[in-house]
Amino acid sequence: MRSREELLNEGYEIATFAAGCFWGVESTFRKVKGVEFTQVGYTGGSKEDPTYKEVCTGTTGHAEAVEIVFNPSVVPYEKLLELFWELHDPTSLNRQGPDIGTQYRSAIFYHSAEQRNAAIASKMNREKSGKYSREIVTQILPAGPFYRAEEYHQQYFDKMGNDGGCILKY
């Protein structure tokens, strides 16, 4: 398997999403054809290199997030956005299912102006769709430092023989 850096050097792109518990989000994105690398971690906060225990306190400002390296000629960013919206309830502020706290917020962390524009357009289309009875609270923010979570969190459901059980179907 090629490393993250090798894939990026070959012209693959990176995407970062926060949609609640990162285990299920990663498990779902790993199954997408064209997604070549995933890792779970923490982003959007103020503490450098936080631990899971610190992020869970809600004091670091980080979100549990998934970083994805994908081949845009196989799966365009817009398709990843569509899946992101379907994975969780984007109208739920700082909560997904039983998980409560700012670390479980809904956010798209963009890596380029093109991703920012696509994320904004996608959010606007969702808002206009009439699918949601409440306002979408998903943040769209520039990607900052991404801190890889502890190894036992990586591909957690694959290790546990679970198929993404914490994904909320609302």
N, C-alpha and C. Protein backbone atom coordinates (compact mmCIF):
# COMPACT_ATOMS: atom_id res chain seq x y z
N MET A 1 0.84 -1.18 0.00
CA MET A 1 0.00 0.00 0.00
C MET A 1 0.89 1.25 0.00
N ARG A 2 0.56 2.18 -0.87
CA ARG A 2 1.34 3.41 -0.96
C ARG A 2 1.04 4.33 0.21
N SER A 3 2.04 5.09 0.59
CA SER A 3 1.89 6.00 1.73
C SER A 3 1.11 7.25 1.32
N ARG A 4 0.66 7.97 2.30
CA ARG A 4 -0.05 9.23 2.09
C ARG A 4 0.80 10.16 1.22
N GLU A 5 2.06 10.29 1.56
CA GLU A 5 2.95 11.20 0.85
C GLU A 5 3.15 10.78 -0.60
N GLU A 6 3.31 9.48 -0.84
CA GLU A 6 3.46 8.98 -2.21
C GLU A 6 2.22 9.31 -3.04
N LEU A 7 1.05 9.09 -2.47
CA LEU A 7 -0.19 9.37 -3.17
C LEU A 7 -0.32 10.86 -3.49
N LEU A 8 0.00 11.71 -2.54
CA LEU A 8 -0.09 13.16 -2.77
C LEU A 8 0.92 13.59 -3.84
N ASN A 9 2.09 12.98 -3.85
CA ASN A 9 3.10 13.28 -4.87
C ASN A 9 2.65 12.84 -6.26
N GLU A 10 1.75 11.86 -6.33
CA GLU A 10 1.24 11.37 -7.60
C GLU A 10 0.03 12.17 -8.09
N GLY A 11 -0.34 13.21 -7.35
CA GLY A 11 -1.44 14.07 -7.79
C GLY A 11 -2.79 13.76 -7.16
N TYR A 12 -2.81 12.85 -6.21
CA TYR A 12 -4.04 12.59 -5.49
C TYR A 12 -4.34 13.80 -4.60
N GLU A 13 -5.58 13.92 -4.17
CA GLU A 13 -5.99 15.06 -3.35
C GLU A 13 -6.36 14.60 -1.95
N ILE A 14 -6.46 15.58 -1.07
CA ILE A 14 -6.77 15.32 0.33
C ILE A 14 -8.10 16.00 0.67
N ALA A 15 -8.88 15.36 1.50
CA ALA A 15 -10.14 15.91 2.00
C ALA A 15 -10.22 15.61 3.49
N THR A 16 -10.84 16.52 4.24
CA THR A 16 -10.97 16.32 5.68
C THR A 16 -12.40 16.64 6.11
N PHE A 17 -13.01 15.67 6.79
CA PHE A 17 -14.40 15.81 7.23
C PHE A 17 -14.54 15.44 8.70
N ALA A 18 -15.42 16.16 9.39
CA ALA A 18 -15.82 15.82 10.76
C ALA A 18 -17.33 15.62 10.75
N ALA A 19 -17.77 14.45 11.20
CA ALA A 19 -19.20 14.12 11.16
C ALA A 19 -19.58 13.23 12.34
N GLY A 20 -19.08 13.57 13.52
CA GLY A 20 -19.35 12.76 14.69
C GLY A 20 -18.22 11.79 14.95
N CYS A 21 -18.54 10.65 15.51
CA CYS A 21 -17.56 9.61 15.85
C CYS A 21 -16.74 9.25 14.61
N PHE A 22 -15.43 9.40 14.69
CA PHE A 22 -14.61 9.20 13.49
C PHE A 22 -14.47 7.75 13.06
N TRP A 23 -14.77 6.80 13.91
CA TRP A 23 -14.64 5.39 13.54
C TRP A 23 -15.55 5.04 12.37
N GLY A 24 -16.81 5.37 12.49
CA GLY A 24 -17.77 5.02 11.44
C GLY A 24 -17.58 5.83 10.18
N VAL A 25 -17.20 7.09 10.33
CA VAL A 25 -16.97 7.95 9.16
C VAL A 25 -15.81 7.38 8.35
N GLU A 26 -14.73 7.02 9.03
CA GLU A 26 -13.59 6.45 8.32
C GLU A 26 -13.97 5.13 7.65
N SER A 27 -14.68 4.28 8.37
CA SER A 27 -15.07 2.98 7.83
C SER A 27 -15.87 3.14 6.53
N THR A 28 -16.76 4.10 6.50
CA THR A 28 -17.58 4.32 5.31
C THR A 28 -16.74 4.85 4.15
N PHE A 29 -15.91 5.85 4.39
CA PHE A 29 -15.10 6.41 3.30
C PHE A 29 -14.07 5.41 2.77
N ARG A 30 -13.58 4.52 3.61
CA ARG A 30 -12.60 3.52 3.17
C ARG A 30 -13.16 2.60 2.09
N LYS A 31 -14.48 2.47 2.03
CA LYS A 31 -15.13 1.57 1.07
C LYS A 31 -15.37 2.23 -0.29
N VAL A 32 -15.09 3.50 -0.41
CA VAL A 32 -15.36 4.24 -1.64
C VAL A 32 -14.24 4.00 -2.65
N LYS A 33 -14.63 3.58 -3.84
CA LYS A 33 -13.64 3.39 -4.91
C LYS A 33 -12.99 4.74 -5.22
N GLY A 34 -11.66 4.76 -5.22
CA GLY A 34 -10.91 5.99 -5.46
C GLY A 34 -10.34 6.60 -4.18
N VAL A 35 -10.84 6.18 -3.03
CA VAL A 35 -10.25 6.59 -1.75
C VAL A 35 -9.11 5.61 -1.49
N GLU A 36 -7.91 6.13 -1.43
CA GLU A 36 -6.72 5.28 -1.34
C GLU A 36 -6.07 5.27 0.03
N PHE A 37 -6.43 6.22 0.90
CA PHE A 37 -5.80 6.30 2.22
C PHE A 37 -6.75 7.05 3.14
N THR A 38 -6.87 6.57 4.36
CA THR A 38 -7.63 7.31 5.38
C THR A 38 -6.87 7.25 6.69
N GLN A 39 -7.12 8.26 7.50
CA GLN A 39 -6.64 8.23 8.87
C GLN A 39 -7.58 9.09 9.71
N VAL A 40 -7.76 8.68 10.96
CA VAL A 40 -8.58 9.46 11.87
C VAL A 40 -7.67 10.30 12.75
N GLY A 41 -8.22 11.43 13.19
CA GLY A 41 -7.43 12.30 14.05
C GLY A 41 -8.23 13.49 14.50
N TYR A 42 -7.50 14.53 14.84
CA TYR A 42 -8.09 15.70 15.45
C TYR A 42 -7.64 16.95 14.70
N THR A 43 -8.59 17.86 14.47
CA THR A 43 -8.27 19.10 13.78
C THR A 43 -9.24 20.19 14.22
N GLY A 44 -8.86 21.43 13.95
CA GLY A 44 -9.75 22.55 14.24
C GLY A 44 -9.63 23.09 15.64
N GLY A 45 -8.63 22.67 16.39
CA GLY A 45 -8.48 23.11 17.77
C GLY A 45 -7.23 23.93 18.00
N SER A 46 -6.96 24.19 19.26
CA SER A 46 -5.86 25.08 19.61
C SER A 46 -4.64 24.37 20.20
N LYS A 47 -4.81 23.17 20.72
CA LYS A 47 -3.69 22.48 21.36
C LYS A 47 -2.90 21.68 20.34
N GLU A 48 -1.60 21.80 20.41
CA GLU A 48 -0.74 21.04 19.51
C GLU A 48 -0.67 19.59 19.96
N ASP A 49 -0.83 18.68 19.00
CA ASP A 49 -0.71 17.24 19.21
C ASP A 49 -1.54 16.73 20.41
N PRO A 50 -2.86 16.94 20.36
CA PRO A 50 -3.69 16.51 21.48
C PRO A 50 -3.88 14.99 21.51
N THR A 51 -4.21 14.48 22.66
CA THR A 51 -4.54 13.07 22.81
C THR A 51 -6.07 12.91 22.77
N TYR A 52 -6.51 11.68 22.59
CA TYR A 52 -7.94 11.39 22.59
C TYR A 52 -8.57 11.85 23.91
N LYS A 53 -7.90 11.53 24.99
CA LYS A 53 -8.42 11.91 26.33
C LYS A 53 -8.59 13.42 26.43
N GLU A 54 -7.63 14.18 25.92
CA GLU A 54 -7.72 15.64 25.96
C GLU A 54 -8.85 16.16 25.07
N VAL A 55 -8.97 15.61 23.86
CA VAL A 55 -10.02 16.03 22.94
C VAL A 55 -11.39 15.76 23.54
N CYS A 56 -11.53 14.63 24.23
CA CYS A 56 -12.82 14.25 24.83
C CYS A 56 -13.27 15.21 25.93
N THR A 57 -12.35 15.97 26.49
CA THR A 57 -12.76 16.94 27.52
C THR A 57 -13.50 18.13 26.90
N GLY A 58 -13.34 18.33 25.58
CA GLY A 58 -13.97 19.46 24.92
C GLY A 58 -13.23 20.76 25.10
N THR A 59 -12.08 20.73 25.75
CA THR A 59 -11.35 21.97 26.03
C THR A 59 -10.29 22.31 24.98
N THR A 60 -9.97 21.39 24.07
CA THR A 60 -8.92 21.67 23.08
C THR A 60 -9.47 22.35 21.82
N GLY A 61 -10.78 22.25 21.62
CA GLY A 61 -11.41 22.83 20.43
C GLY A 61 -11.34 21.97 19.19
N HIS A 62 -10.75 20.78 19.30
CA HIS A 62 -10.61 19.90 18.14
C HIS A 62 -11.90 19.14 17.86
N ALA A 63 -12.06 18.76 16.60
CA ALA A 63 -13.12 17.85 16.18
C ALA A 63 -12.49 16.51 15.86
N GLU A 64 -13.22 15.43 16.14
CA GLU A 64 -12.82 14.13 15.63
C GLU A 64 -13.05 14.19 14.13
N ALA A 65 -12.02 13.89 13.36
CA ALA A 65 -12.11 14.06 11.91
C ALA A 65 -11.44 12.90 11.18
N VAL A 66 -11.74 12.83 9.90
CA VAL A 66 -11.14 11.83 9.02
C VAL A 66 -10.44 12.55 7.89
N GLU A 67 -9.19 12.20 7.67
CA GLU A 67 -8.43 12.72 6.54
C GLU A 67 -8.42 11.63 5.47
N ILE A 68 -8.77 12.03 4.25
CA ILE A 68 -8.93 11.11 3.13
C ILE A 68 -7.99 11.54 2.01
N VAL A 69 -7.27 10.59 1.44
CA VAL A 69 -6.51 10.85 0.23
C VAL A 69 -7.21 10.08 -0.88
N PHE A 70 -7.59 10.81 -1.94
CA PHE A 70 -8.42 10.21 -2.98
C PHE A 70 -7.91 10.58 -4.37
N ASN A 71 -8.29 9.73 -5.32
CA ASN A 71 -7.95 9.95 -6.72
C ASN A 71 -9.12 10.71 -7.35
N PRO A 72 -8.95 12.00 -7.66
CA PRO A 72 -10.07 12.79 -8.17
C PRO A 72 -10.56 12.35 -9.55
N SER A 73 -9.76 11.57 -10.28
CA SER A 73 -10.24 11.08 -11.57
C SER A 73 -11.15 9.86 -11.39
N VAL A 74 -11.15 9.26 -10.22
CA VAL A 74 -12.01 8.12 -9.93
C VAL A 74 -13.23 8.56 -9.12
N VAL A 75 -12.99 9.38 -8.10
CA VAL A 75 -14.07 9.88 -7.26
C VAL A 75 -13.88 11.39 -7.07
N PRO A 76 -14.70 12.20 -7.70
CA PRO A 76 -14.55 13.64 -7.53
C PRO A 76 -14.91 14.09 -6.11
N TYR A 77 -14.35 15.19 -5.71
CA TYR A 77 -14.59 15.75 -4.37
C TYR A 77 -16.08 15.92 -4.11
N GLU A 78 -16.83 16.31 -5.12
CA GLU A 78 -18.27 16.52 -4.96
C GLU A 78 -18.98 15.24 -4.53
N LYS A 79 -18.52 14.09 -4.99
CA LYS A 79 -19.10 12.81 -4.57
C LYS A 79 -18.79 12.53 -3.10
N LEU A 80 -17.59 12.90 -2.67
CA LEU A 80 -17.25 12.74 -1.26
C LEU A 80 -18.13 13.64 -0.39
N LEU A 81 -18.40 14.84 -0.89
CA LEU A 81 -19.30 15.74 -0.16
C LEU A 81 -20.70 15.13 -0.03
N GLU A 82 -21.20 14.53 -1.10
CA GLU A 82 -22.53 13.90 -1.05
C GLU A 82 -22.57 12.82 0.03
N LEU A 83 -21.53 12.01 0.09
CA LEU A 83 -21.48 10.96 1.11
C LEU A 83 -21.39 11.57 2.50
N PHE A 84 -20.58 12.60 2.65
CA PHE A 84 -20.46 13.30 3.94
C PHE A 84 -21.84 13.71 4.47
N TRP A 85 -22.65 14.33 3.60
CA TRP A 85 -23.97 14.79 4.05
C TRP A 85 -24.85 13.63 4.47
N GLU A 86 -24.74 12.50 3.79
CA GLU A 86 -25.59 11.35 4.10
C GLU A 86 -25.17 10.59 5.35
N LEU A 87 -23.92 10.76 5.77
CA LEU A 87 -23.38 10.01 6.91
C LEU A 87 -23.90 10.46 8.27
N HIS A 88 -24.40 11.66 8.36
CA HIS A 88 -24.71 12.20 9.68
C HIS A 88 -25.84 13.22 9.58
N ASP A 89 -26.22 13.76 10.71
CA ASP A 89 -27.25 14.80 10.76
C ASP A 89 -26.55 16.15 10.83
N PRO A 90 -26.49 16.87 9.72
CA PRO A 90 -25.79 18.16 9.71
C PRO A 90 -26.55 19.29 10.40
N THR A 91 -27.73 18.98 10.93
CA THR A 91 -28.52 19.99 11.66
C THR A 91 -28.35 19.86 13.17
N SER A 92 -27.58 18.90 13.59
CA SER A 92 -27.39 18.63 15.02
C SER A 92 -26.11 19.32 15.48
N LEU A 93 -26.24 20.32 16.34
CA LEU A 93 -25.09 21.10 16.80
C LEU A 93 -24.31 20.33 17.87
N ASN A 94 -23.06 20.07 17.58
CA ASN A 94 -22.14 19.45 18.54
C ASN A 94 -22.67 18.13 19.10
N ARG A 95 -23.31 17.38 18.22
CA ARG A 95 -23.84 16.09 18.66
C ARG A 95 -24.15 15.22 17.45
N GLN A 96 -23.85 13.94 17.59
CA GLN A 96 -24.26 12.93 16.62
C GLN A 96 -24.67 11.71 17.43
N GLY A 97 -25.95 11.38 17.38
CA GLY A 97 -26.45 10.25 18.16
C GLY A 97 -26.16 10.46 19.63
N PRO A 98 -25.59 9.45 20.28
CA PRO A 98 -25.32 9.56 21.71
C PRO A 98 -24.07 10.38 22.05
N ASP A 99 -23.29 10.74 21.04
CA ASP A 99 -22.03 11.46 21.26
C ASP A 99 -22.31 12.96 21.31
N ILE A 100 -21.96 13.58 22.44
CA ILE A 100 -22.24 15.00 22.65
C ILE A 100 -20.95 15.73 22.96
N GLY A 101 -20.76 16.90 22.34
CA GLY A 101 -19.60 17.74 22.59
C GLY A 101 -19.10 18.36 21.30
N THR A 102 -18.34 19.43 21.42
CA THR A 102 -17.83 20.11 20.23
C THR A 102 -16.93 19.22 19.39
N GLN A 103 -16.35 18.20 19.99
CA GLN A 103 -15.48 17.28 19.24
C GLN A 103 -16.28 16.45 18.24
N TYR A 104 -17.61 16.44 18.37
CA TYR A 104 -18.47 15.67 17.46
C TYR A 104 -19.21 16.57 16.47
N ARG A 105 -18.74 17.80 16.32
CA ARG A 105 -19.42 18.74 15.43
C ARG A 105 -19.30 18.33 13.96
N SER A 106 -20.16 18.92 13.16
CA SER A 106 -20.16 18.70 11.72
C SER A 106 -19.32 19.78 11.07
N ALA A 107 -18.30 19.37 10.31
CA ALA A 107 -17.44 20.36 9.67
C ALA A 107 -16.76 19.79 8.43
N ILE A 108 -16.57 20.67 7.47
CA ILE A 108 -15.79 20.38 6.27
C ILE A 108 -14.56 21.28 6.34
N PHE A 109 -13.40 20.67 6.32
CA PHE A 109 -12.14 21.42 6.36
C PHE A 109 -11.55 21.38 4.95
N TYR A 110 -11.57 22.52 4.27
CA TYR A 110 -11.15 22.54 2.87
C TYR A 110 -9.65 22.77 2.73
N HIS A 111 -9.10 22.22 1.64
CA HIS A 111 -7.66 22.28 1.37
C HIS A 111 -7.32 23.16 0.16
N SER A 112 -8.32 23.72 -0.49
CA SER A 112 -8.08 24.58 -1.65
C SER A 112 -9.31 25.47 -1.85
N ALA A 113 -9.14 26.48 -2.67
CA ALA A 113 -10.28 27.35 -3.00
C ALA A 113 -11.36 26.56 -3.72
N GLU A 114 -10.97 25.59 -4.55
CA GLU A 114 -11.94 24.77 -5.26
C GLU A 114 -12.77 23.94 -4.28
N GLN A 115 -12.11 23.37 -3.28
CA GLN A 115 -12.86 22.60 -2.28
C GLN A 115 -13.78 23.51 -1.47
N ARG A 116 -13.30 24.69 -1.13
CA ARG A 116 -14.14 25.65 -0.39
C ARG A 116 -15.40 25.97 -1.19
N ASN A 117 -15.22 26.30 -2.46
CA ASN A 117 -16.36 26.65 -3.31
C ASN A 117 -17.33 25.48 -3.46
N ALA A 118 -16.78 24.28 -3.64
CA ALA A 118 -17.62 23.09 -3.78
C ALA A 118 -18.39 22.81 -2.48
N ALA A 119 -17.73 22.99 -1.35
CA ALA A 119 -18.38 22.76 -0.05
C ALA A 119 -19.51 23.76 0.18
N ILE A 120 -19.26 25.02 -0.14
CA ILE A 120 -20.29 26.06 0.03
C ILE A 120 -21.48 25.76 -0.89
N ALA A 121 -21.20 25.44 -2.13
CA ALA A 121 -22.28 25.14 -3.09
C ALA A 121 -23.07 23.91 -2.64
N SER A 122 -22.37 22.91 -2.16
CA SER A 122 -23.02 21.69 -1.70
C SER A 122 -23.92 21.98 -0.50
N LYS A 123 -23.42 22.77 0.42
CA LYS A 123 -24.22 23.12 1.61
C LYS A 123 -25.46 23.92 1.19
N MET A 124 -25.28 24.87 0.29
CA MET A 124 -26.42 25.67 -0.19
C MET A 124 -27.47 24.78 -0.87
N ASN A 125 -27.02 23.83 -1.67
CA ASN A 125 -27.95 22.91 -2.33
C ASN A 125 -28.71 22.06 -1.31
N ARG A 126 -28.03 21.63 -0.27
CA ARG A 126 -28.68 20.86 0.80
C ARG A 126 -29.72 21.71 1.52
N GLU A 127 -29.35 22.97 1.78
CA GLU A 127 -30.28 23.86 2.47
C GLU A 127 -31.54 24.10 1.65
N LYS A 128 -31.37 24.22 0.34
CA LYS A 128 -32.51 24.47 -0.56
C LYS A 128 -33.33 23.22 -0.85
N SER A 129 -32.78 22.05 -0.55
CA SER A 129 -33.43 20.79 -0.93
C SER A 129 -34.73 20.52 -0.19
N GLY A 130 -34.89 21.12 0.97
CA GLY A 130 -36.08 20.86 1.77
C GLY A 130 -35.99 19.56 2.56
N LYS A 131 -34.84 18.90 2.51
CA LYS A 131 -34.65 17.62 3.21
C LYS A 131 -34.65 17.79 4.73
N TYR A 132 -34.21 18.94 5.18
CA TYR A 132 -34.04 19.14 6.62
C TYR A 132 -35.07 20.14 7.15
N SER A 133 -35.59 19.83 8.32
CA SER A 133 -36.57 20.74 8.93
C SER A 133 -35.87 21.79 9.80
N ARG A 134 -34.59 21.58 10.06
CA ARG A 134 -33.81 22.54 10.86
C ARG A 134 -32.64 23.06 10.03
N GLU A 135 -32.04 24.12 10.51
CA GLU A 135 -30.90 24.75 9.83
C GLU A 135 -29.68 23.83 9.86
N ILE A 136 -28.94 23.79 8.76
CA ILE A 136 -27.68 23.06 8.71
C ILE A 136 -26.64 23.86 9.48
N VAL A 137 -25.97 23.19 10.43
CA VAL A 137 -24.98 23.86 11.28
C VAL A 137 -23.55 23.48 10.92
N THR A 138 -23.36 22.77 9.84
CA THR A 138 -22.03 22.34 9.40
C THR A 138 -21.13 23.54 9.17
N GLN A 139 -19.94 23.50 9.76
CA GLN A 139 -18.94 24.54 9.55
C GLN A 139 -18.15 24.21 8.29
N ILE A 140 -17.75 25.25 7.57
CA ILE A 140 -16.85 25.11 6.43
C ILE A 140 -15.64 25.99 6.75
N LEU A 141 -14.51 25.33 6.99
CA LEU A 141 -13.33 26.00 7.52
C LEU A 141 -12.07 25.60 6.75
N PRO A 142 -11.08 26.49 6.72
CA PRO A 142 -9.81 26.09 6.10
C PRO A 142 -9.16 24.98 6.93
N ALA A 143 -8.56 24.03 6.24
CA ALA A 143 -7.86 22.95 6.93
C ALA A 143 -6.64 23.52 7.64
N GLY A 144 -6.46 23.09 8.84
CA GLY A 144 -5.28 23.45 9.62
C GLY A 144 -4.51 22.18 9.95
N PRO A 145 -3.72 22.23 10.99
CA PRO A 145 -2.97 21.02 11.36
C PRO A 145 -3.91 19.86 11.67
N PHE A 146 -3.55 18.70 11.17
CA PHE A 146 -4.29 17.46 11.44
C PHE A 146 -3.38 16.58 12.27
N TYR A 147 -3.87 16.19 13.44
CA TYR A 147 -3.08 15.35 14.34
C TYR A 147 -3.64 13.93 14.32
N ARG A 148 -2.82 13.01 13.86
CA ARG A 148 -3.24 11.61 13.76
C ARG A 148 -3.59 11.08 15.15
N ALA A 149 -4.74 10.41 15.24
CA ALA A 149 -5.17 9.81 16.51
C ALA A 149 -4.29 8.61 16.84
N GLU A 150 -4.39 8.18 18.05
CA GLU A 150 -3.66 7.03 18.52
C GLU A 150 -3.94 5.82 17.62
N GLU A 151 -2.98 4.93 17.53
CA GLU A 151 -3.05 3.82 16.57
C GLU A 151 -4.29 2.95 16.77
N TYR A 152 -4.73 2.76 18.00
CA TYR A 152 -5.88 1.87 18.20
C TYR A 152 -7.16 2.44 17.61
N HIS A 153 -7.20 3.72 17.28
CA HIS A 153 -8.37 4.32 16.63
C HIS A 153 -8.36 4.13 15.11
N GLN A 154 -7.20 3.87 14.52
CA GLN A 154 -7.09 3.76 13.06
C GLN A 154 -7.78 2.49 12.58
N GLN A 155 -8.66 2.64 11.57
CA GLN A 155 -9.42 1.51 11.02
C GLN A 155 -10.03 0.66 12.14
N TYR A 156 -10.57 1.34 13.12
CA TYR A 156 -11.09 0.70 14.33
C TYR A 156 -12.09 -0.41 14.02
N PHE A 157 -13.07 -0.14 13.16
CA PHE A 157 -14.08 -1.15 12.87
C PHE A 157 -13.51 -2.34 12.12
N ASP A 158 -12.52 -2.11 11.28
CA ASP A 158 -11.86 -3.23 10.60
C ASP A 158 -11.19 -4.13 11.64
N LYS A 159 -10.54 -3.53 12.62
CA LYS A 159 -9.86 -4.28 13.67
C LYS A 159 -10.84 -5.05 14.55
N MET A 160 -12.02 -4.46 14.77
CA MET A 160 -13.01 -5.04 15.68
C MET A 160 -14.03 -5.92 14.97
N GLY A 161 -13.96 -5.99 13.65
CA GLY A 161 -14.91 -6.80 12.91
C GLY A 161 -16.30 -6.20 12.87
N ASN A 162 -16.38 -4.88 13.00
CA ASN A 162 -17.64 -4.16 13.00
C ASN A 162 -17.77 -3.44 11.66
N ASP A 163 -18.96 -3.20 11.21
CA ASP A 163 -19.17 -2.57 9.89
C ASP A 163 -19.71 -1.15 10.03
N GLY A 164 -19.10 -0.34 10.84
CA GLY A 164 -19.51 1.06 10.92
C GLY A 164 -20.74 1.29 11.77
N GLY A 165 -20.84 0.61 12.89
CA GLY A 165 -22.03 0.64 13.71
C GLY A 165 -22.40 1.96 14.36
N CYS A 166 -21.50 2.94 14.40
CA CYS A 166 -21.88 4.17 15.08
C CYS A 166 -22.36 5.23 14.10
N ILE A 167 -22.53 4.89 12.84
CA ILE A 167 -23.06 5.84 11.88
C ILE A 167 -24.54 6.06 12.18
N LEU A 168 -24.91 7.30 12.30
CA LEU A 168 -26.29 7.66 12.62
C LEU A 168 -27.13 7.65 11.35
N LYS A 169 -28.20 6.94 11.37
CA LYS A 169 -29.17 6.98 10.27
C LYS A 169 -30.39 7.70 10.82
N TYR A 170 -30.58 8.92 10.40
CA TYR A 170 -31.67 9.74 10.96
C TYR A 170 -32.86 9.77 10.04
